[in-house]
Amino acid sequence: MIITTQRGRTVPLVISVEDVDGEPYTLESGDKIRFGVRNVSGGSKLIYKELTSEDEVDGEYPLTLTPENTNITPNRYLYDVSLQLSSGELYDIVSADYFIVKDSVTYKGDTA
C-alpha cells in the first residue's frame, strides 16, 4: 500500500495484524509493531514508530504521523511495517513499499 502525503501534514494510519490463518492477532506483552521510513533500503531512519499491546483500540493499532514526522524533503521513500514478537521472531505486516512526500503549497497559519 503506497502512502502519499504532503510535507508537514498529519497522517492517521490504522494497522491491523492477522495470524497465519487470517484471524486477528492481539499483541502480547513484549510484542511490538514497528513502522519505519528510510530514504533507501538499509539507509538512515527518517521516521520510526513502535506500537505495543497498550496501543490497541478495538483490535487495531492506530498510528499517527505528526507534522514533525512528515516534515522531510519531498521525495519517494521506502517504508515497511513489521511485527516483532517478544521471542525475537520478526514478521512482515506490510513489505517494503513507497512512502511519497509531496511539497506543500499551503501551510499552517496561512491567511487570505
Protein backbone atom coordinates (compact mmCIF):
# COMPACT_ATOMS: atom_id res chain seq x y z
CA MET A 1 0.00 0.00 0.00
CA ILE A 2 1.60 3.24 -1.14
CA ILE A 3 1.31 6.11 1.35
CA THR A 4 1.23 9.63 -0.11
CA THR A 5 1.21 12.82 1.94
CA GLN A 6 2.23 16.43 1.76
CA ARG A 7 5.24 17.69 3.67
CA GLY A 8 4.39 18.68 7.26
CA ARG A 9 0.97 17.01 7.36
CA THR A 10 -0.63 14.72 9.93
CA VAL A 11 -1.11 11.20 8.62
CA PRO A 12 -3.50 8.95 10.58
CA LEU A 13 -2.95 5.24 9.92
CA VAL A 14 -4.58 2.13 11.34
CA ILE A 15 -2.65 -1.12 11.49
CA SER A 16 -4.33 -4.49 11.89
CA VAL A 17 -2.47 -7.73 12.47
CA GLU A 18 -3.59 -11.19 11.39
CA ASP A 19 -2.18 -14.61 12.20
CA VAL A 20 -1.31 -17.19 9.52
CA ASP A 21 -4.98 -18.26 9.40
CA GLY A 22 -6.18 -14.71 8.71
CA GLU A 23 -7.57 -14.31 12.22
CA PRO A 24 -6.98 -11.06 14.15
CA TYR A 25 -3.84 -11.21 16.28
CA THR A 26 -3.70 -9.24 19.52
CA LEU A 27 -0.24 -8.19 20.62
CA GLU A 28 1.01 -9.79 23.79
CA SER A 29 3.35 -8.29 26.37
CA GLY A 30 6.72 -7.65 24.73
CA ASP A 31 5.40 -7.75 21.13
CA LYS A 32 5.96 -4.64 19.01
CA ILE A 33 4.64 -3.28 15.75
CA ARG A 34 7.45 -1.35 14.08
CA PHE A 35 6.84 1.30 11.40
CA GLY A 36 9.83 2.79 9.62
CA VAL A 37 10.58 5.10 6.70
CA ARG A 38 14.03 5.25 5.09
CA ASN A 39 15.45 7.04 2.09
CA VAL A 40 16.71 3.71 0.67
CA SER A 41 16.69 0.13 1.87
CA GLY A 42 19.18 0.00 4.74
CA GLY A 43 19.52 3.81 4.78
CA SER A 44 19.04 6.21 7.65
CA LYS A 45 15.74 6.10 9.53
CA LEU A 46 13.70 9.19 8.72
CA ILE A 47 10.60 8.13 10.64
CA TYR A 48 10.38 5.35 13.23
CA LYS A 49 7.43 4.44 15.45
CA GLU A 50 6.69 1.49 17.71
CA LEU A 51 3.31 0.28 18.96
CA THR A 52 2.68 -2.17 21.79
CA SER A 53 -0.28 -4.02 23.26
CA GLU A 54 -1.13 -0.83 25.19
CA ASP A 55 -1.89 0.97 21.91
CA GLU A 56 -4.64 -1.47 20.83
CA VAL A 57 -8.09 0.03 20.19
CA ASP A 58 -10.89 -2.36 19.23
CA GLY A 59 -8.47 -4.92 17.80
CA GLU A 60 -6.49 -2.41 15.73
CA TYR A 61 -3.45 -0.24 16.32
CA PRO A 62 -3.79 3.45 15.43
CA LEU A 63 -0.58 5.19 14.40
CA THR A 64 -0.36 8.91 13.77
CA LEU A 65 2.49 10.53 11.90
CA THR A 66 2.81 14.11 13.10
CA PRO A 67 3.71 17.17 11.03
CA GLU A 68 7.17 16.93 12.59
CA ASN A 69 7.47 13.34 11.29
CA THR A 70 6.44 14.26 7.74
CA ASN A 71 8.44 17.48 7.55
CA ILE A 72 11.05 15.82 5.34
CA THR A 73 12.31 16.65 1.87
CA PRO A 74 9.69 15.86 -0.75
CA ASN A 75 10.76 12.60 -2.35
CA ARG A 76 9.87 8.95 -2.78
CA TYR A 77 11.00 6.88 0.21
CA LEU A 78 10.53 3.29 1.37
CA TYR A 79 8.53 2.18 4.40
CA ASP A 80 7.53 -1.08 5.99
CA VAL A 81 5.57 -2.35 8.97
CA SER A 82 6.68 -5.40 10.92
CA LEU A 83 5.65 -7.38 13.96
CA GLN A 84 8.42 -8.35 16.35
CA LEU A 85 7.32 -10.93 18.88
CA SER A 86 8.75 -10.95 22.39
CA SER A 87 10.61 -14.13 21.37
CA GLY A 88 12.50 -12.09 18.74
CA GLU A 89 10.73 -13.51 15.67
CA LEU A 90 10.08 -10.85 13.03
CA TYR A 91 7.14 -10.89 10.58
CA ASP A 92 6.12 -8.52 7.78
CA ILE A 93 2.78 -6.78 8.08
CA VAL A 94 3.49 -4.52 5.12
CA SER A 95 6.51 -5.39 2.99
CA ALA A 96 8.62 -2.51 1.71
CA ASP A 97 6.51 -0.08 -0.30
CA TYR A 98 6.64 3.58 -1.28
CA PHE A 99 6.15 6.47 1.13
CA ILE A 100 5.75 9.56 -1.03
CA VAL A 101 6.10 13.08 0.35
CA LYS A 102 4.94 15.90 -1.91
CA ASP A 103 5.71 19.56 -1.42
CA SER A 104 3.07 21.73 0.25
CA VAL A 105 1.53 24.87 -1.17
CA THR A 106 -0.46 25.95 1.88
CA TYR A 107 0.92 25.90 5.38
CA LYS A 108 -0.47 26.08 8.90
CA GLY A 109 -1.30 29.66 9.74
CA ASP A 110 -1.70 30.83 6.12
CA THR A 111 -4.31 33.56 5.73
CA ALA A 112 -6.10 35.02 2.73
